[in-house]
Amino acid sequence: MPLLFFFSGFFAEVVGTVAGFGSSTIFLPLALFFFDFPTALVLVAFFHLFGNIGRIGFFRYGLEKDLLLKFGVPGILFSFAGALIVPYLPQDTLKAALGIFLIAYSAIFFSGKNISARPSPANLALGGGLSGFLAGLIGTGGALRGAFLSAFNLSKEKYIATAAFAALLVDATRIPVYLSQGFLESTLLPYLPALFLTAIAGTFVGKKIIARVPQEKFRVVVLTAVFLAGLKFVYDFLA
């Protein structure tokens, strides 16, 4: 097992916990240095699943069930569709799509704008569908998920629980599709328990250091790295 790969996952989970945005957004670009896109996609999906299981364990009593139903069902359907498309698109195209997403994601945060959708049932279904499709196709839809759920002014506990459950449903949908398409070789199965322990350890450490790190400065550093990773993927596609 490449220790640097697991250290990258640990780093991504710590950063995701401290910075307040998805660990998969950080971990997937790093995983692509070790594996091809389909393999990185399924390993990071498992990693994301494990992280959400941990968050659900802490915040399960804050779940907004009605909100989850309206948001989660479209997410399930469209994540399935996105995952099915992956084998039919060139890896360079998928990396470029990921790069564009990372650039847009970091640019929105750098702009200082608080982007959210209007709190309506239609927007809930739209947000669930779009975030699920992106998660299935390029492995990360947390930014869109957050933009739509934040419109409902949920408490921190309710937001974390509902977002984690919605993400868990998407992960549980897309992972079997990835597996059925042969994205995970049998030789990599021992990576899964190690990824579970890495995700839990990263969350634990991240929570411990949140109070000691200047939040905004830290986010700037991380988002700069995310932006540069996005530029690299787009450049590689155009070169």
Protein backbone atom coordinates (compact mmCIF):
# COMPACT_ATOMS: atom_id res chain seq x y z
CA MET A 1 0.00 0.00 0.00
CA PRO A 2 1.41 3.42 -0.89
CA LEU A 3 1.61 5.26 2.41
CA LEU A 4 1.62 8.60 0.61
CA PHE A 5 -1.84 7.83 -0.79
CA PHE A 6 -3.27 7.25 2.69
CA PHE A 7 -1.46 10.28 4.05
CA SER A 8 -3.14 12.29 1.25
CA GLY A 9 -6.51 10.93 2.39
CA PHE A 10 -5.76 11.77 6.01
CA PHE A 11 -4.67 15.27 4.98
CA ALA A 12 -7.83 15.72 2.89
CA GLU A 13 -10.09 14.65 5.77
CA VAL A 14 -8.33 16.94 8.25
CA VAL A 15 -8.48 19.85 5.83
CA GLY A 16 -12.11 19.13 4.93
CA THR A 17 -13.08 19.08 8.60
CA VAL A 18 -11.20 22.27 9.46
CA ALA A 19 -11.93 24.24 6.29
CA GLY A 20 -15.61 23.31 6.20
CA PHE A 21 -15.89 21.81 2.73
CA GLY A 22 -15.76 18.33 1.24
CA SER A 23 -12.77 16.11 1.76
CA SER A 24 -13.48 14.36 -1.56
CA THR A 25 -12.97 17.66 -3.40
CA ILE A 26 -9.43 17.68 -2.04
CA PHE A 27 -8.69 13.96 -2.04
CA LEU A 28 -9.76 13.11 -5.62
CA PRO A 29 -7.15 15.34 -7.33
CA LEU A 30 -4.50 13.89 -5.01
CA ALA A 31 -5.65 10.30 -5.66
CA LEU A 32 -5.22 10.88 -9.40
CA PHE A 33 -1.47 11.05 -8.85
CA PHE A 34 -1.59 7.40 -7.75
CA PHE A 35 -4.37 5.81 -9.83
CA ASP A 36 -6.28 6.23 -13.07
CA PHE A 37 -9.57 8.13 -12.95
CA PRO A 38 -12.00 5.19 -12.46
CA THR A 39 -9.88 3.63 -9.68
CA ALA A 40 -9.40 6.97 -7.93
CA LEU A 41 -13.12 7.65 -8.28
CA VAL A 42 -14.22 4.46 -6.53
CA LEU A 43 -11.59 4.62 -3.78
CA VAL A 44 -12.46 8.23 -2.97
CA ALA A 45 -16.16 7.31 -3.07
CA PHE A 46 -15.56 4.68 -0.37
CA PHE A 47 -13.50 7.20 1.59
CA HIS A 48 -16.34 9.74 1.32
CA LEU A 49 -18.84 7.09 2.40
CA PHE A 50 -16.80 6.25 5.51
CA GLY A 51 -16.48 9.92 6.44
CA ASN A 52 -20.23 10.45 6.16
CA ILE A 53 -20.92 7.39 8.31
CA GLY A 54 -18.83 9.04 11.02
CA ARG A 55 -20.69 12.35 10.74
CA ILE A 56 -24.06 10.61 10.81
CA GLY A 57 -23.02 8.84 13.99
CA PHE A 58 -22.50 12.19 15.69
CA PHE A 59 -25.40 14.18 14.23
CA ARG A 60 -28.10 11.63 13.34
CA TYR A 61 -30.66 13.25 15.66
CA GLY A 62 -30.60 16.46 13.62
CA LEU A 63 -31.90 14.83 10.44
CA GLU A 64 -34.67 16.67 8.55
CA LYS A 65 -36.45 13.65 7.05
CA ASP A 66 -38.83 15.55 4.77
CA LEU A 67 -35.99 17.63 3.37
CA LEU A 68 -33.86 14.53 2.88
CA LEU A 69 -36.61 12.77 0.95
CA LYS A 70 -37.15 15.64 -1.48
CA PHE A 71 -33.42 16.18 -1.93
CA GLY A 72 -32.15 12.63 -1.67
CA VAL A 73 -34.40 10.77 -4.13
CA PRO A 74 -33.37 12.90 -7.16
CA GLY A 75 -29.78 12.61 -5.96
CA ILE A 76 -30.00 8.81 -6.01
CA LEU A 77 -31.48 8.70 -9.51
CA PHE A 78 -29.03 11.15 -11.07
CA SER A 79 -25.95 9.80 -9.32
CA PHE A 80 -26.82 6.44 -10.86
CA ALA A 81 -27.01 8.09 -14.28
CA GLY A 82 -23.72 9.95 -13.80
CA ALA A 83 -21.90 6.82 -12.66
CA LEU A 84 -23.15 4.88 -15.69
CA ILE A 85 -21.65 7.45 -18.07
CA VAL A 86 -18.12 7.32 -16.64
CA PRO A 87 -16.82 4.38 -18.77
CA TYR A 88 -18.05 6.02 -21.98
CA LEU A 89 -16.10 9.26 -21.58
CA PRO A 90 -12.33 9.63 -22.04
CA GLN A 91 -10.42 10.02 -18.79
CA ASP A 92 -8.92 13.29 -20.02
CA THR A 93 -12.42 14.65 -20.52
CA LEU A 94 -13.45 13.63 -17.01
CA LYS A 95 -10.31 15.17 -15.54
CA ALA A 96 -11.02 18.38 -17.45
CA ALA A 97 -14.59 18.40 -16.13
CA LEU A 98 -13.23 17.93 -12.63
CA GLY A 99 -10.75 20.74 -13.25
CA ILE A 100 -13.49 23.14 -14.35
CA PHE A 101 -15.50 22.22 -11.28
CA LEU A 102 -12.54 22.83 -8.95
CA ILE A 103 -11.78 26.20 -10.56
CA ALA A 104 -15.41 27.32 -10.28
CA TYR A 105 -15.68 25.97 -6.75
CA SER A 106 -12.63 27.83 -5.49
CA ALA A 107 -13.48 31.00 -7.44
CA ILE A 108 -16.89 31.19 -5.76
CA PHE A 109 -15.30 31.04 -2.32
CA PHE A 110 -12.61 33.58 -3.29
CA SER A 111 -15.34 35.95 -4.48
CA GLY A 112 -16.73 36.08 -0.95
CA LYS A 113 -20.26 35.49 -2.24
CA ASN A 114 -22.66 33.32 -0.29
CA ILE A 115 -24.35 31.49 -3.14
CA SER A 116 -27.52 29.60 -2.32
CA ALA A 117 -30.75 28.72 -4.06
CA ARG A 118 -34.26 29.80 -3.12
CA PRO A 119 -35.87 27.41 -0.59
CA SER A 120 -38.51 25.69 -2.70
CA PRO A 121 -39.43 22.05 -3.40
CA ALA A 122 -38.46 22.50 -7.06
CA ASN A 123 -35.01 23.77 -6.13
CA LEU A 124 -34.61 20.93 -3.65
CA ALA A 125 -35.21 18.40 -6.41
CA LEU A 126 -32.96 20.33 -8.81
CA GLY A 127 -30.16 20.57 -6.25
CA GLY A 128 -30.41 16.90 -5.35
CA GLY A 129 -30.35 15.88 -9.00
CA LEU A 130 -27.45 18.12 -10.04
CA SER A 131 -25.27 17.35 -7.03
CA GLY A 132 -25.98 13.63 -7.40
CA PHE A 133 -25.12 13.68 -11.10
CA LEU A 134 -21.83 15.49 -10.48
CA ALA A 135 -20.95 13.08 -7.68
CA GLY A 136 -21.61 10.09 -9.91
CA LEU A 137 -19.72 11.52 -12.88
CA ILE A 138 -16.69 13.31 -11.39
CA GLY A 139 -16.81 12.24 -7.75
CA THR A 140 -17.70 15.52 -6.08
CA GLY A 141 -21.01 17.33 -5.71
CA GLY A 142 -20.73 18.68 -2.18
CA ALA A 143 -20.46 22.33 -3.22
CA LEU A 144 -23.80 22.23 -5.03
CA ARG A 145 -25.36 20.22 -2.23
CA GLY A 146 -24.30 22.88 0.24
CA ALA A 147 -25.53 25.74 -1.94
CA PHE A 148 -29.05 24.31 -2.10
CA LEU A 149 -29.34 23.05 1.48
CA SER A 150 -27.98 26.30 2.96
CA ALA A 151 -31.02 28.13 1.59
CA PHE A 152 -33.18 26.47 4.24
CA ASN A 153 -31.39 28.11 7.18
CA LEU A 154 -30.90 24.85 9.03
CA SER A 155 -29.07 24.71 12.33
CA LYS A 156 -25.52 23.38 12.17
CA GLU A 157 -26.59 20.00 13.52
CA LYS A 158 -29.53 19.68 11.12
CA TYR A 159 -27.42 20.82 8.16
CA ILE A 160 -24.60 18.35 8.89
CA ALA A 161 -26.97 15.44 9.47
CA THR A 162 -29.13 16.11 6.40
CA ALA A 163 -26.16 16.75 4.10
CA ALA A 164 -24.36 13.65 5.38
CA PHE A 165 -27.42 11.43 4.88
CA ALA A 166 -27.96 12.84 1.38
CA ALA A 167 -24.30 12.22 0.51
CA LEU A 168 -24.49 8.73 1.99
CA LEU A 169 -27.45 7.88 -0.27
CA VAL A 170 -25.53 9.11 -3.30
CA ASP A 171 -22.40 7.17 -2.34
CA ALA A 172 -24.42 4.00 -1.70
CA THR A 173 -25.91 4.38 -5.19
CA ARG A 174 -22.81 5.18 -7.23
CA ILE A 175 -20.38 2.75 -5.57
CA PRO A 176 -22.21 -0.44 -6.73
CA VAL A 177 -22.28 1.01 -10.27
CA TYR A 178 -18.53 1.63 -10.14
CA LEU A 179 -17.94 -1.88 -8.81
CA SER A 180 -20.13 -3.48 -11.48
CA GLN A 181 -18.04 -1.73 -14.13
CA GLY A 182 -14.79 -3.10 -12.72
CA PHE A 183 -13.36 0.13 -11.33
CA LEU A 184 -11.95 -1.62 -8.25
CA GLU A 185 -9.46 -4.43 -8.74
CA SER A 186 -9.52 -7.25 -6.19
CA THR A 187 -5.92 -6.46 -5.27
CA LEU A 188 -7.12 -3.09 -3.90
CA LEU A 189 -9.73 -4.51 -1.53
CA PRO A 190 -7.30 -4.31 1.45
CA TYR A 191 -7.28 -0.54 0.89
CA LEU A 192 -10.89 -0.24 2.11
CA PRO A 193 -10.42 -0.91 5.84
CA ALA A 194 -7.34 1.30 5.75
CA LEU A 195 -9.38 4.07 4.13
CA PHE A 196 -12.04 3.68 6.82
CA LEU A 197 -9.48 4.14 9.59
CA THR A 198 -7.91 7.05 7.70
CA ALA A 199 -11.25 8.85 7.35
CA ILE A 200 -12.12 8.42 11.04
CA ALA A 201 -8.64 9.50 12.17
CA GLY A 202 -8.70 12.54 9.89
CA THR A 203 -12.08 13.65 11.19
CA PHE A 204 -10.95 13.23 14.79
CA VAL A 205 -7.76 15.23 14.29
CA GLY A 206 -9.58 17.89 12.27
CA LYS A 207 -12.07 18.48 15.07
CA LYS A 208 -9.23 18.78 17.57
CA ILE A 209 -7.41 21.52 15.68
CA ILE A 210 -10.38 23.58 14.44
CA ALA A 211 -10.15 26.01 17.37
CA ARG A 212 -6.39 26.49 16.91
CA VAL A 213 -6.29 27.39 13.22
CA PRO A 214 -7.28 30.81 11.79
CA GLN A 215 -10.19 29.63 9.67
CA GLU A 216 -10.16 32.20 6.86
CA LYS A 217 -6.39 32.12 6.27
CA PHE A 218 -6.44 28.34 6.22
CA ARG A 219 -9.28 28.29 3.69
CA VAL A 220 -7.38 30.67 1.41
CA VAL A 221 -4.35 28.37 1.33
CA VAL A 222 -6.45 25.28 0.68
CA LEU A 223 -8.61 26.91 -1.97
CA THR A 224 -5.51 28.17 -3.76
CA ALA A 225 -4.27 24.57 -3.95
CA VAL A 226 -7.68 23.41 -5.21
CA PHE A 227 -7.70 26.17 -7.84
CA LEU A 228 -4.20 25.24 -9.06
CA ALA A 229 -5.13 21.56 -9.25
CA GLY A 230 -8.12 22.50 -11.39
CA LEU A 231 -5.93 24.58 -13.69
CA LYS A 232 -3.54 21.65 -14.10
CA PHE A 233 -6.31 19.26 -15.17
CA VAL A 234 -7.70 21.76 -17.68
CA TYR A 235 -4.19 22.54 -19.01
CA ASP A 236 -3.42 18.83 -19.45
CA PHE A 237 -6.64 18.46 -21.44
CA LEU A 238 -5.87 21.44 -23.72
CA ALA A 239 -2.15 20.72 -24.16
